PDB file of N, CA and C in Angstrom:
ATOM      1  N   UNK A   1      76.370 104.377 102.820  1.00  0.00           N
ATOM      2  CA  UNK A   1      76.825 105.527 102.603  1.00  0.00           C
ATOM      3  C   UNK A   1      78.024 105.418 102.963  1.00  0.00           C
ATOM      4  N   UNK A   2      79.220 105.630 102.155  1.00  0.00           N
ATOM      5  CA  UNK A   2      80.552 106.108 102.966  1.00  0.00           C
ATOM      6  C   UNK A   2      80.733 108.020 103.025  1.00  0.00           C
ATOM      7  N   UNK A   3      81.824 107.490 104.080  1.00  0.00           N
ATOM      8  CA  UNK A   3      82.468 109.282 103.559  1.00  0.00           C
ATOM      9  C   UNK A   3      83.737 109.516 103.025  1.00  0.00           C
ATOM     10  N   UNK A   4      83.618 109.987 102.401  1.00  0.00           N
ATOM     11  CA  UNK A   4      84.809 110.261 101.364  1.00  0.00           C
ATOM     12  C   UNK A   4      85.986 110.413 101.512  1.00  0.00           C
ATOM     13  N   UNK A   5      86.452 109.067 102.577  1.00  0.00           N
ATOM     14  CA  UNK A   5      87.980 108.947 103.062  1.00  0.00           C
ATOM     15  C   UNK A   5      88.944 108.224 102.557  1.00  0.00           C
ATOM     16  N   UNK A   6      89.932 107.610 102.390  1.00  0.00           N
ATOM     17  CA  UNK A   6      90.275 106.375 101.606  1.00  0.00           C
ATOM     18  C   UNK A   6      90.230 105.096 102.748  1.00  0.00           C
ATOM     19  N   UNK A   7      90.306 105.507 104.244  1.00  0.00           N
ATOM     20  CA  UNK A   7      89.880 104.567 104.698  1.00  0.00           C
ATOM     21  C   UNK A   7      88.502 103.849 104.578  1.00  0.00           C
ATOM     22  N   UNK A   8      87.392 104.452 103.783  1.00  0.00           N
ATOM     23  CA  UNK A   8      86.383 103.519 103.429  1.00  0.00           C
ATOM     24  C   UNK A   8      86.157 102.908 102.306  1.00  0.00           C
ATOM     25  N   UNK A   9      87.513 102.545 101.736  1.00  0.00           N
ATOM     26  CA  UNK A   9      87.257 101.346 100.878  1.00  0.00           C
ATOM     27  C   UNK A   9      87.861 100.434 100.861  1.00  0.00           C
ATOM     28  N   UNK A  10      88.535 100.166 101.644  1.00  0.00           N
ATOM     29  CA  UNK A  10      88.414  99.244 102.564  1.00  0.00           C
ATOM     30  C   UNK A  10      86.932  98.503 103.209  1.00  0.00           C
ATOM     31  N   UNK A  11      85.977  99.859 104.358  1.00  0.00           N
ATOM     32  CA  UNK A  11      84.726  98.703 104.603  1.00  0.00           C
ATOM     33  C   UNK A  11      84.687  99.061 102.713  1.00  0.00           C
ATOM     34  N   UNK A  12      84.079  99.347 102.032  1.00  0.00           N
ATOM     35  CA  UNK A  12      83.479  99.617 101.225  1.00  0.00           C
ATOM     36  C   UNK A  12      84.036  97.577 100.956  1.00  0.00           C
ATOM     37  N   UNK A  13      84.851  97.141 100.929  1.00  0.00           N
ATOM     38  CA  UNK A  13      85.538  95.795  99.727  1.00  0.00           C
ATOM     39  C   UNK A  13      84.654  94.565 101.708  1.00  0.00           C
ATOM     40  N   UNK A  14      84.955  95.463 102.862  1.00  0.00           N
ATOM     41  CA  UNK A  14      84.605  94.128 103.656  1.00  0.00           C
ATOM     42  C   UNK A  14      83.274  93.703 103.604  1.00  0.00           C
ATOM     43  N   UNK A  15      82.001  95.514 103.043  1.00  0.00           N
ATOM     44  CA  UNK A  15      81.421  95.534 103.178  1.00  0.00           C
ATOM     45  C   UNK A  15      80.765  94.212 101.782  1.00  0.00           C
ATOM     46  N   UNK A  16      80.770  94.596 100.975  1.00  0.00           N
ATOM     47  CA  UNK A  16      80.882  93.468  99.971  1.00  0.00           C
ATOM     48  C   UNK A  16      81.346  91.885  99.795  1.00  0.00           C
ATOM     49  N   UNK A  17      81.532  91.986 100.324  1.00  0.00           N
ATOM     50  CA  UNK A  17      83.105  90.440 100.424  1.00  0.00           C
ATOM     51  C   UNK A  17      82.017  90.204 101.587  1.00  0.00           C
ATOM     52  N   UNK A  18      80.348  90.480 102.736  1.00  0.00           N
ATOM     53  CA  UNK A  18      80.292  90.038 103.688  1.00  0.00           C
ATOM     54  C   UNK A  18      78.131  89.553 102.516  1.00  0.00           C
ATOM     55  N   UNK A  19      78.717  91.139 101.842  1.00  0.00           N
ATOM     56  CA  UNK A  19      77.349  90.814 100.793  1.00  0.00           C
ATOM     57  C   UNK A  19      77.422  89.510  99.877  1.00  0.00           C
ATOM     58  N   UNK A  20      78.379  89.409  99.412  1.00  0.00           N
ATOM     59  CA  UNK A  20      78.571  88.774  98.366  1.00  0.00           C
ATOM     60  C   UNK A  20      78.327  87.153  98.813  1.00  0.00           C
ATOM     61  N   UNK A  21      79.163  86.698  99.747  1.00  0.00           N
ATOM     62  CA  UNK A  21      79.438  85.155 100.712  1.00  0.00           C
ATOM     63  C   UNK A  21      77.688  85.041 101.533  1.00  0.00           C
ATOM     64  N   UNK A  22      76.644  85.402 102.109  1.00  0.00           N
ATOM     65  CA  UNK A  22      75.538  86.103 102.819  1.00  0.00           C
ATOM     66  C   UNK A  22      74.517  86.060 101.099  1.00  0.00           C
ATOM     67  N   UNK A  23      73.982  86.596 100.443  1.00  0.00           N
ATOM     68  CA  UNK A  23      73.784  86.766  99.642  1.00  0.00           C
ATOM     69  C   UNK A  23      73.740  86.400  97.735  1.00  0.00           C
ATOM     70  N   UNK A  24      74.720  85.355  97.606  1.00  0.00           N
ATOM     71  CA  UNK A  24      75.332  85.312  97.077  1.00  0.00           C
ATOM     72  C   UNK A  24      75.768  83.835  97.043  1.00  0.00           C
ATOM     73  N   UNK A  25      76.133  82.407  97.974  1.00  0.00           N
ATOM     74  CA  UNK A  25      76.627  82.395  98.367  1.00  0.00           C
ATOM     75  C   UNK A  25      77.386  81.038  97.088  1.00  0.00           C
ATOM     76  N   UNK A  26      76.258  81.090  95.847  1.00  0.00           N
ATOM     77  CA  UNK A  26      77.041  79.936  95.288  1.00  0.00           C
ATOM     78  C   UNK A  26      78.319  80.516  93.857  1.00  0.00           C
ATOM     79  N   UNK A  27      78.298  82.283  93.982  1.00  0.00           N
ATOM     80  CA  UNK A  27      79.820  82.426  93.282  1.00  0.00           C
ATOM     81  C   UNK A  27      80.666  81.847  93.344  1.00  0.00           C
ATOM     82  N   UNK A  28      81.316  81.855  92.901  1.00  0.00           N
ATOM     83  CA  UNK A  28      82.972  81.172  93.111  1.00  0.00           C
ATOM     84  C   UNK A  28      84.080  82.480  93.797  1.00  0.00           C
ATOM     85  N   UNK A  29      84.926  81.667  94.440  1.00  0.00           N
ATOM     86  CA  UNK A  29      85.997  82.869  94.284  1.00  0.00           C
ATOM     87  C   UNK A  29      86.369  83.963  94.039  1.00  0.00           C
ATOM     88  N   UNK A  30      87.158  83.308  92.987  1.00  0.00           N
ATOM     89  CA  UNK A  30      87.031  84.057  91.519  1.00  0.00           C
ATOM     90  C   UNK A  30      86.312  85.737  91.369  1.00  0.00           C
ATOM     91  N   UNK A  31      84.926  85.222  91.532  1.00  0.00           N
ATOM     92  CA  UNK A  31      83.504  86.073  90.247  1.00  0.00           C
ATOM     93  C   UNK A  31      83.945  87.221  91.865  1.00  0.00           C
ATOM     94  N   UNK A  32      83.523  86.265  93.198  1.00  0.00           N
ATOM     95  CA  UNK A  32      83.638  87.573  94.292  1.00  0.00           C
ATOM     96  C   UNK A  32      85.160  88.282  93.885  1.00  0.00           C
ATOM     97  N   UNK A  33      85.372  87.613  93.850  1.00  0.00           N
ATOM     98  CA  UNK A  33      86.627  88.791  94.297  1.00  0.00           C
ATOM     99  C   UNK A  33      86.915  89.971  93.093  1.00  0.00           C
ATOM    100  N   UNK A  34      86.498  89.704  92.143  1.00  0.00           N
ATOM    101  CA  UNK A  34      86.228  90.448  90.676  1.00  0.00           C
ATOM    102  C   UNK A  34      85.427  91.472  91.080  1.00  0.00           C
ATOM    103  N   UNK A  35      83.716  91.288  91.516  1.00  0.00           N
ATOM    104  CA  UNK A  35      82.824  91.915  92.412  1.00  0.00           C
ATOM    105  C   UNK A  35      83.580  93.047  93.591  1.00  0.00           C
ATOM    106  N   UNK A  36      85.035  92.781  94.192  1.00  0.00           N
ATOM    107  CA  UNK A  36      85.104  92.991  95.319  1.00  0.00           C
ATOM    108  C   UNK A  36      85.665  94.300  94.533  1.00  0.00           C
ATOM    109  N   UNK A  37      86.960  93.632  93.949  1.00  0.00           N
ATOM    110  CA  UNK A  37      87.291  93.913  93.163  1.00  0.00           C
ATOM    111  C   UNK A  37      87.418  95.683  92.411  1.00  0.00           C
ATOM    112  N   UNK A  38      86.214  95.189  91.752  1.00  0.00           N
ATOM    113  CA  UNK A  38      84.821  96.546  91.385  1.00  0.00           C
ATOM    114  C   UNK A  38      84.860  97.818  91.912  1.00  0.00           C
ATOM    115  N   UNK A  39      84.236  97.012  92.689  1.00  0.00           N
ATOM    116  CA  UNK A  39      83.910  97.938  94.133  1.00  0.00           C
ATOM    117  C   UNK A  39      84.988  98.875  93.649  1.00  0.00           C
ATOM    118  N   UNK A  40      86.177  98.315  95.111  1.00  0.00           N
ATOM    119  CA  UNK A  40      87.406  98.951  95.322  1.00  0.00           C
ATOM    120  C   UNK A  40      88.092 100.013  94.203  1.00  0.00           C
ATOM    121  N   UNK A  41      88.338  99.775  92.853  1.00  0.00           N
ATOM    122  CA  UNK A  41      88.032 100.527  92.178  1.00  0.00           C
ATOM    123  C   UNK A  41      87.010 102.095  91.690  1.00  0.00           C
ATOM    124  N   UNK A  42      86.189 101.692  92.032  1.00  0.00           N
ATOM    125  CA  UNK A  42      84.691 103.014  91.733  1.00  0.00           C
ATOM    126  C   UNK A  42      84.836 103.245  92.837  1.00  0.00           C
ATOM    127  N   UNK A  43      84.283 103.007  94.544  1.00  0.00           N
ATOM    128  CA  UNK A  43      84.278 103.419  95.264  1.00  0.00           C
ATOM    129  C   UNK A  43      85.816 104.205  95.169  1.00  0.00           C
ATOM    130  N   UNK A  44      88.102 103.555  95.249  1.00  0.00           N
ATOM    131  CA  UNK A  44      88.537 104.767  95.343  1.00  0.00           C
ATOM    132  C   UNK A  44      88.635 105.810  94.445  1.00  0.00           C
ATOM    133  N   UNK A  45      88.105 105.520  92.697  1.00  0.00           N
ATOM    134  CA  UNK A  45      88.205 107.047  91.894  1.00  0.00           C
ATOM    135  C   UNK A  45      86.621 108.016  93.280  1.00  0.00           C
ATOM    136  N   UNK A  46      85.369 106.935  93.445  1.00  0.00           N
ATOM    137  CA  UNK A  46      84.213 108.471  93.638  1.00  0.00           C
ATOM    138  C   UNK A  46      84.872 109.422  94.960  1.00  0.00           C
ATOM    139  N   UNK A  47      86.197 108.909  95.477  1.00  0.00           N
ATOM    140  CA  UNK A  47      86.775 109.142  96.750  1.00  0.00           C
ATOM    141  C   UNK A  47      87.754 110.451  96.562  1.00  0.00           C
ATOM    142  N   UNK A  48      88.528 109.859  94.966  1.00  0.00           N
ATOM    143  CA  UNK A  48      89.428 110.544  94.888  1.00  0.00           C
ATOM    144  C   UNK A  48      89.223 111.606  93.910  1.00  0.00           C
ATOM    145  N   UNK A  49      88.063 111.408  93.015  1.00  0.00           N
ATOM    146  CA  UNK A  49      88.147 112.494  91.897  1.00  0.00           C
ATOM    147  C   UNK A  49      86.437 113.073  91.395  1.00  0.00           C
ATOM    148  N   UNK A  50      85.529 112.340  92.251  1.00  0.00           N
ATOM    149  CA  UNK A  50      84.460 112.811  93.013  1.00  0.00           C
ATOM    150  C   UNK A  50      83.655 112.877  93.817  1.00  0.00           C
ATOM    151  N   UNK A  51      84.563 113.903  94.575  1.00  0.00           N
ATOM    152  CA  UNK A  51      84.119 114.652  95.511  1.00  0.00           C
ATOM    153  C   UNK A  51      85.190 115.378  97.075  1.00  0.00           C
ATOM    154  N   UNK A  52      85.136 116.131  98.146  1.00  0.00           N
ATOM    155  CA  UNK A  52      85.748 116.395  98.485  1.00  0.00           C
ATOM    156  C   UNK A  52      85.543 116.222  99.675  1.00  0.00           C
ATOM    157  N   UNK A  53      86.315 116.563 100.717  1.00  0.00           N
ATOM    158  CA  UNK A  53      86.186 115.978 101.996  1.00  0.00           C
ATOM    159  C   UNK A  53      85.387 116.099 102.494  1.00  0.00           C
ATOM    160  N   UNK A  54      84.475 115.753 103.341  1.00  0.00           N
ATOM    161  CA  UNK A  54      83.253 115.934 104.506  1.00  0.00           C
ATOM    162  C   UNK A  54      82.176 114.843 103.288  1.00  0.00           C
ATOM    163  N   UNK A  55      82.209 115.150 101.654  1.00  0.00           N
ATOM    164  CA  UNK A  55      81.348 114.094 101.025  1.00  0.00           C
ATOM    165  C   UNK A  55      81.331 112.863 101.415  1.00  0.00           C
ATOM    166  N   UNK A  56      80.260 112.710 100.251  1.00  0.00           N
ATOM    167  CA  UNK A  56      80.021 110.851 100.514  1.00  0.00           C
ATOM    168  C   UNK A  56      79.865 109.854  99.537  1.00  0.00           C
ATOM    169  N   UNK A  57      79.890 108.735  99.089  1.00  0.00           N
ATOM    170  CA  UNK A  57      79.612 108.237  98.371  1.00  0.00           C
ATOM    171  C   UNK A  57      78.475 106.491  98.878  1.00  0.00           C
ATOM    172  N   UNK A  58      78.018 106.334  97.872  1.00  0.00           N
ATOM    173  CA  UNK A  58      76.845 105.596  97.979  1.00  0.00           C
ATOM    174  C   UNK A  58      77.561 104.529  97.310  1.00  0.00           C
ATOM    175  N   UNK A  59      76.972 102.831  98.600  1.00  0.00           N
ATOM    176  CA  UNK A  59      78.126 101.758  96.873  1.00  0.00           C
ATOM    177  C   UNK A  59      76.150 101.461  97.367  1.00  0.00           C
ATOM    178  N   UNK A  60      75.655 100.524  95.476  1.00  0.00           N
ATOM    179  CA  UNK A  60      74.701 100.490  95.629  1.00  0.00           C
ATOM    180  C   UNK A  60      74.879  98.551  94.598  1.00  0.00           C
ATOM    181  N   UNK A  61      74.379  97.491  94.779  1.00  0.00           N
ATOM    182  CA  UNK A  61      75.135  96.289  95.104  1.00  0.00           C
ATOM    183  C   UNK A  61      73.583  96.377  94.264  1.00  0.00           C
ATOM    184  N   UNK A  62      72.647  95.314  93.142  1.00  0.00           N
ATOM    185  CA  UNK A  62      71.703  94.684  92.405  1.00  0.00           C
ATOM    186  C   UNK A  62      72.307  93.691  91.997  1.00  0.00           C
ATOM    187  N   UNK A  63      71.338  92.742  92.105  1.00  0.00           N
ATOM    188  CA  UNK A  63      71.209  90.890  92.433  1.00  0.00           C
ATOM    189  C   UNK A  63      70.340  91.071  90.997  1.00  0.00           C
ATOM    190  N   UNK A  64      70.746  90.820  89.921  1.00  0.00           N
ATOM    191  CA  UNK A  64      69.983  89.908  88.962  1.00  0.00           C
ATOM    192  C   UNK A  64      69.908  88.731  88.547  1.00  0.00           C
ATOM    193  N   UNK A  65      68.772  87.948  87.676  1.00  0.00           N
ATOM    194  CA  UNK A  65      69.308  86.768  87.505  1.00  0.00           C
ATOM    195  C   UNK A  65      70.573  86.819  86.996  1.00  0.00           C
ATOM    196  N   UNK A  66      70.911  87.301  86.066  1.00  0.00           N
ATOM    197  CA  UNK A  66      72.469  86.719  85.053  1.00  0.00           C
ATOM    198  C   UNK A  66      73.670  87.839  85.474  1.00  0.00           C
ATOM    199  N   UNK A  67      73.604  88.899  86.816  1.00  0.00           N
ATOM    200  CA  UNK A  67      74.636  89.708  86.477  1.00  0.00           C
ATOM    201  C   UNK A  67      74.365  90.336  87.669  1.00  0.00           C
ATOM    202  N   UNK A  68      75.485  91.105  88.547  1.00  0.00           N
ATOM    203  CA  UNK A  68      75.893  91.958  89.531  1.00  0.00           C
ATOM    204  C   UNK A  68      75.895  93.562  88.691  1.00  0.00           C
ATOM    205  N   UNK A  69      75.129  94.071  89.539  1.00  0.00           N
ATOM    206  CA  UNK A  69      74.813  95.339  89.012  1.00  0.00           C
ATOM    207  C   UNK A  69      75.877  96.396  90.283  1.00  0.00           C
ATOM    208  N   UNK A  70      77.276  97.023  90.191  1.00  0.00           N
ATOM    209  CA  UNK A  70      77.703  97.742  91.784  1.00  0.00           C
ATOM    210  C   UNK A  70      77.764  99.073  90.340  1.00  0.00           C
ATOM    211  N   UNK A  71      76.773  99.880  91.279  1.00  0.00           N
ATOM    212  CA  UNK A  71      76.979 101.532  91.757  1.00  0.00           C
ATOM    213  C   UNK A  71      77.259 101.887  92.846  1.00  0.00           C
ATOM    214  N   UNK A  72      78.261 103.044  91.250  1.00  0.00           N
ATOM    215  CA  UNK A  72      78.494 103.824  92.752  1.00  0.00           C
ATOM    216  C   UNK A  72      78.960 105.102  92.525  1.00  0.00           C
ATOM    217  N   UNK A  73      77.237 106.024  93.887  1.00  0.00           N
ATOM    218  CA  UNK A  73      76.868 107.207  93.698  1.00  0.00           C
ATOM    219  C   UNK A  73      77.980 108.372  94.430  1.00  0.00           C
ATOM    220  N   UNK A  74      78.250 109.310  93.601  1.00  0.00           N
ATOM    221  CA  UNK A  74      79.816 110.300  94.216  1.00  0.00           C
ATOM    222  C   UNK A  74      78.377 111.988  93.557  1.00  0.00           C
ATOM    223  N   UNK A  75      78.527 113.211  93.987  1.00  0.00           N
ATOM    224  CA  UNK A  75      78.660 114.115  93.888  1.00  0.00           C
ATOM    225  C   UNK A  75      78.831 115.226  93.194  1.00  0.00           C
ATOM    226  N   UNK A  76      79.664 114.755  92.119  1.00  0.00           N
ATOM    227  CA  UNK A  76      80.499 115.864  90.815  1.00  0.00           C
ATOM    228  C   UNK A  76      80.251 114.668  89.863  1.00  0.00           C
ATOM    229  N   UNK A  77      79.160 116.233  89.440  1.00  0.00           N
ATOM    230  CA  UNK A  77      79.279 115.734  88.215  1.00  0.00           C
ATOM    231  C   UNK A  77      80.501 115.180  86.100  1.00  0.00           C
ATOM    232  N   UNK A  78      81.389 115.698  87.332  1.00  0.00           N
ATOM    233  CA  UNK A  78      82.638 115.778  86.003  1.00  0.00           C
ATOM    234  C   UNK A  78      82.829 113.954  86.244  1.00  0.00           C
ATOM    235  N   UNK A  79      83.054 113.648  84.507  1.00  0.00           N
ATOM    236  CA  UNK A  79      82.982 112.276  84.337  1.00  0.00           C
ATOM    237  C   UNK A  79      84.679 111.313  83.934  1.00  0.00           C
ATOM    238  N   UNK A  80      84.527 110.493  84.938  1.00  0.00           N
ATOM    239  CA  UNK A  80      85.069 110.237  84.635  1.00  0.00           C
ATOM    240  C   UNK A  80      86.273 109.561  83.333  1.00  0.00           C
ATOM    241  N   UNK A  81      87.304 109.710  83.343  1.00  0.00           N
ATOM    242  CA  UNK A  81      87.735 109.299  81.570  1.00  0.00           C
ATOM    243  C   UNK A  81      89.603 108.806  81.761  1.00  0.00           C
ATOM    244  N   UNK A  82      89.682 107.760  80.816  1.00  0.00           N
ATOM    245  CA  UNK A  82      90.310 106.913  81.355  1.00  0.00           C
ATOM    246  C   UNK A  82      91.968 107.620  81.332  1.00  0.00           C
ATOM    247  N   UNK A  83      92.917 106.980  81.568  1.00  0.00           N
ATOM    248  CA  UNK A  83      93.963 107.611  81.199  1.00  0.00           C
ATOM    249  C   UNK A  83      95.728 106.698  80.029  1.00  0.00           C
ATOM    250  N   UNK A  84      95.998 106.890  79.384  1.00  0.00           N
ATOM    251  CA  UNK A  84      96.999 106.025  79.011  1.00  0.00           C
ATOM    252  C   UNK A  84      98.021 105.302  79.672  1.00  0.00           C
ATOM    253  N   UNK A  85      98.219 104.042  79.294  1.00  0.00           N
ATOM    254  CA  UNK A  85      98.513 102.964  80.156  1.00  0.00           C
ATOM    255  C   UNK A  85     100.723 103.686  80.648  1.00  0.00           C
ATOM    256  N   UNK A  86     100.433 103.703  82.007  1.00  0.00           N
ATOM    257  CA  UNK A  86     102.209 103.861  81.852  1.00  0.00           C
ATOM    258  C   UNK A  86     102.271 102.733  82.590  1.00  0.00           C
ATOM    259  N   UNK A  87     103.524 102.401  82.584  1.00  0.00           N
ATOM    260  CA  UNK A  87     104.244 101.857  83.451  1.00  0.00           C
ATOM    261  C   UNK A  87     104.770 101.801  84.646  1.00  0.00           C
ATOM    262  N   UNK A  88     105.605 103.690  84.307  1.00  0.00           N
ATOM    263  CA  UNK A  88     105.477 104.782  85.347  1.00  0.00           C
ATOM    264  C   UNK A  88     104.877 104.831  86.438  1.00  0.00           C
ATOM    265  N   UNK A  89     104.001 105.295  86.233  1.00  0.00           N
ATOM    266  CA  UNK A  89     102.746 105.451  87.379  1.00  0.00           C
ATOM    267  C   UNK A  89     102.168 104.130  87.705  1.00  0.00           C
ATOM    268  N   UNK A  90     101.965 104.671  89.472  1.00  0.00           N
ATOM    269  CA  UNK A  90     101.173 103.459  90.098  1.00  0.00           C
ATOM    270  C   UNK A  90      99.923 103.201  90.190  1.00  0.00           C
ATOM    271  N   UNK A  91      99.641 104.225  89.720  1.00  0.00           N
ATOM    272  CA  UNK A  91      97.784 104.765  89.924  1.00  0.00           C
ATOM    273  C   UNK A  91      96.823 104.472  88.426  1.00  0.00           C
ATOM    274  N   UNK A  92      95.896 105.118  88.119  1.00  0.00           N
ATOM    275  CA  UNK A  92      95.116 105.478  87.116  1.00  0.00           C
ATOM    276  C   UNK A  92      94.831 104.087  85.992  1.00  0.00           C
ATOM    277  N   UNK A  93      95.030 102.847  86.979  1.00  0.00           N
ATOM    278  CA  UNK A  93      95.102 101.942  86.181  1.00  0.00           C
ATOM    279  C   UNK A  93      93.182 101.219  86.563  1.00  0.00           C
ATOM    280  N   UNK A  94      92.301 102.018  87.278  1.00  0.00           N
ATOM    281  CA  UNK A  94      91.511 101.448  87.926  1.00  0.00           C
ATOM    282  C   UNK A  94      90.073 101.094  87.181  1.00  0.00           C
ATOM    283  N   UNK A  95      90.209 102.192  86.102  1.00  0.00           N
ATOM    284  CA  UNK A  95      88.627 102.081  84.648  1.00  0.00           C
ATOM    285  C   UNK A  95      89.727 100.747  84.290  1.00  0.00           C
ATOM    286  N   UNK A  96      89.788 100.926  83.382  1.00  0.00           N
ATOM    287  CA  UNK A  96      90.975  99.404  82.951  1.00  0.00           C
ATOM    288  C   UNK A  96      90.654  98.503  83.597  1.00  0.00           C
ATOM    289  N   UNK A  97      90.714  98.505  84.858  1.00  0.00           N
ATOM    290  CA  UNK A  97      90.516  96.801  85.161  1.00  0.00           C
ATOM    291  C   UNK A  97      88.902  96.803  85.187  1.00  0.00           C
ATOM    292  N   UNK A  98      88.643  98.078  85.910  1.00  0.00           N
ATOM    293  CA  UNK A  98      86.935  98.190  86.056  1.00  0.00           C
ATOM    294  C   UNK A  98      86.374  97.685  84.268  1.00  0.00           C
ATOM    295  N   UNK A  99      86.738  98.064  83.368  1.00  0.00           N
ATOM    296  CA  UNK A  99      86.081  97.445  81.699  1.00  0.00           C
ATOM    297  C   UNK A  99      87.337  95.464  81.428  1.00  0.00           C
ATOM    298  N   UNK A 100      87.829  95.440  82.276  1.00  0.00           N
ATOM    299  CA  UNK A 100      88.571  94.018  82.320  1.00  0.00           C
ATOM    300  C   UNK A 100      87.255  93.023  82.680  1.00  0.00           C
ATOM    301  N   UNK A 101      87.415  93.423  83.926  1.00  0.00           N
ATOM    302  CA  UNK A 101      86.182  92.676  84.809  1.00  0.00           C
ATOM    303  C   UNK A 101      84.832  92.373  84.757  1.00  0.00           C
ATOM    304  N   UNK A 102      84.260  93.735  83.834  1.00  0.00           N
ATOM    305  CA  UNK A 102      82.715  93.397  83.222  1.00  0.00           C
ATOM    306  C   UNK A 102      82.183  92.927  82.267  1.00  0.00           C
ATOM    307  N   UNK A 103      81.052  93.346  82.354  1.00  0.00           N
ATOM    308  CA  UNK A 103      81.019  92.736  81.006  1.00  0.00           C
ATOM    309  C   UNK A 103      80.512  94.376  80.543  1.00  0.00           C
ATOM    310  N   UNK A 104      79.742  95.327  81.306  1.00  0.00           N
ATOM    311  CA  UNK A 104      80.045  96.768  80.574  1.00  0.00           C
ATOM    312  C   UNK A 104      80.003  97.430  81.603  1.00  0.00           C
ATOM    313  N   UNK A 105      80.361  98.873  81.655  1.00  0.00           N
ATOM    314  CA  UNK A 105      80.344  99.771  82.724  1.00  0.00           C
ATOM    315  C   UNK A 105      79.995 101.060  82.096  1.00  0.00           C
ATOM    316  N   UNK A 106      79.412 102.067  82.380  1.00  0.00           N
ATOM    317  CA  UNK A 106      79.113 103.477  82.734  1.00  0.00           C
ATOM    318  C   UNK A 106      78.711 104.531  83.541  1.00  0.00           C
ATOM    319  N   UNK A 107      78.981 105.499  82.541  1.00  0.00           N
ATOM    320  CA  UNK A 107      78.523 106.945  83.858  1.00  0.00           C
ATOM    321  C   UNK A 107      76.539 106.928  83.601  1.00  0.00           C
ATOM    322  N   UNK A 108      76.757 107.662  84.987  1.00  0.00           N
ATOM    323  CA  UNK A 108      74.887 108.211  84.385  1.00  0.00           C
ATOM    324  C   UNK A 108      74.758 109.476  85.031  1.00  0.00           C
ATOM    325  N   UNK A 109      73.747 110.441  84.404  1.00  0.00           N
ATOM    326  CA  UNK A 109      73.918 111.218  85.295  1.00  0.00           C
ATOM    327  C   UNK A 109      72.769 111.749  86.810  1.00  0.00           C
ATOM    328  N   UNK A 110      73.100 112.416  87.692  1.00  0.00           N
ATOM    329  CA  UNK A 110      72.579 111.936  89.016  1.00  0.00           C
ATOM    330  C   UNK A 110      72.385 113.994  89.270  1.00  0.00           C
ATOM    331  N   UNK A 111      70.803 114.245  89.829  1.00  0.00           N
ATOM    332  CA  UNK A 111      70.379 115.434  90.963  1.00  0.00           C
ATOM    333  C   UNK A 111      71.411 116.180  90.704  1.00  0.00           C
ATOM    334  N   UNK A 112      71.646 115.186  92.039  1.00  0.00           N
ATOM    335  CA  UNK A 112      73.149 115.932  92.905  1.00  0.00           C
ATOM    336  C   UNK A 112      74.077 115.005  92.224  1.00  0.00           C
ATOM    337  N   UNK A 113      75.392 114.541  91.409  1.00  0.00           N
ATOM    338  CA  UNK A 113      75.911 113.589  91.121  1.00  0.00           C
ATOM    339  C   UNK A 113      76.291 113.169  90.109  1.00  0.00           C
ATOM    340  N   UNK A 114      76.754 112.057  89.987  1.00  0.00           N
ATOM    341  CA  UNK A 114      76.438 110.508  88.299  1.00  0.00           C
ATOM    342  C   UNK A 114      77.132 109.184  89.634  1.00  0.00           C
ATOM    343  N   UNK A 115      76.653 108.100  88.794  1.00  0.00           N
ATOM    344  CA  UNK A 115      76.178 107.429  89.201  1.00  0.00           C
ATOM    345  C   UNK A 115      78.069 106.931  87.417  1.00  0.00           C
ATOM    346  N   UNK A 116      79.094 105.689  88.849  1.00  0.00           N
ATOM    347  CA  UNK A 116      79.759 105.013  87.835  1.00  0.00           C
ATOM    348  C   UNK A 116      79.092 103.482  88.337  1.00  0.00           C
ATOM    349  N   UNK A 117      78.694 102.721  87.353  1.00  0.00           N
ATOM    350  CA  UNK A 117      78.411 101.878  87.184  1.00  0.00           C
ATOM    351  C   UNK A 117      78.833 100.677  86.219  1.00  0.00           C
ATOM    352  N   UNK A 118      78.743  99.186  87.325  1.00  0.00           N
ATOM    353  CA  UNK A 118      79.541  97.779  86.372  1.00  0.00           C
ATOM    354  C   UNK A 118      78.556  96.929  86.465  1.00  0.00           C
ATOM    355  N   UNK A 119      78.836  96.340  85.138  1.00  0.00           N
ATOM    356  CA  UNK A 119      77.533  94.418  85.360  1.00  0.00           C
ATOM    357  C   UNK A 119      78.837  94.015  85.523  1.00  0.00           C
ATOM    358  N   UNK A 120      78.732  92.602  85.559  1.00  0.00           N
ATOM    359  CA  UNK A 120      79.179  90.865  86.449  1.00  0.00           C
ATOM    360  C   UNK A 120      78.434  90.562  86.373  1.00  0.00           C
ATOM    361  N   UNK A 121      79.202  89.844  84.960  1.00  0.00           N
ATOM    362  CA  UNK A 121      78.576  87.734  84.712  1.00  0.00           C
ATOM    363  C   UNK A 121      78.354  87.318  85.892  1.00  0.00           C
ATOM    364  N   UNK A 122      77.356  85.977  86.642  1.00  0.00           N
ATOM    365  CA  UNK A 122      76.713  85.829  87.808  1.00  0.00           C
ATOM    366  C   UNK A 122      77.958  85.261  87.447  1.00  0.00           C
TER     367      UNK A 122
END
């Protein structure tokens, strides 16, 4: 569980890095970086668009034989939407990054919000 504030993105990245190093030691450095980046993008979106100050987001990593499933739960039901790519904007590329790195991704409604998930091959 992470507090809904920008500093939590760094904490999520550090936690994922430690998790992958300890639980998935055979994972290549490039794939570990991909998992970390996907978590970073989903947590950033959860904090920026899926929560209010004082809320929290939950990060779940589910290791399966052929893949790692990343889930970020937030308290807002509004579904994320991608924006048209623009070279003028410094933000707004998170879902494009997730789609490029994940085998698949999606959104599930939860009783108190939603979960945005991505599955990455191991």
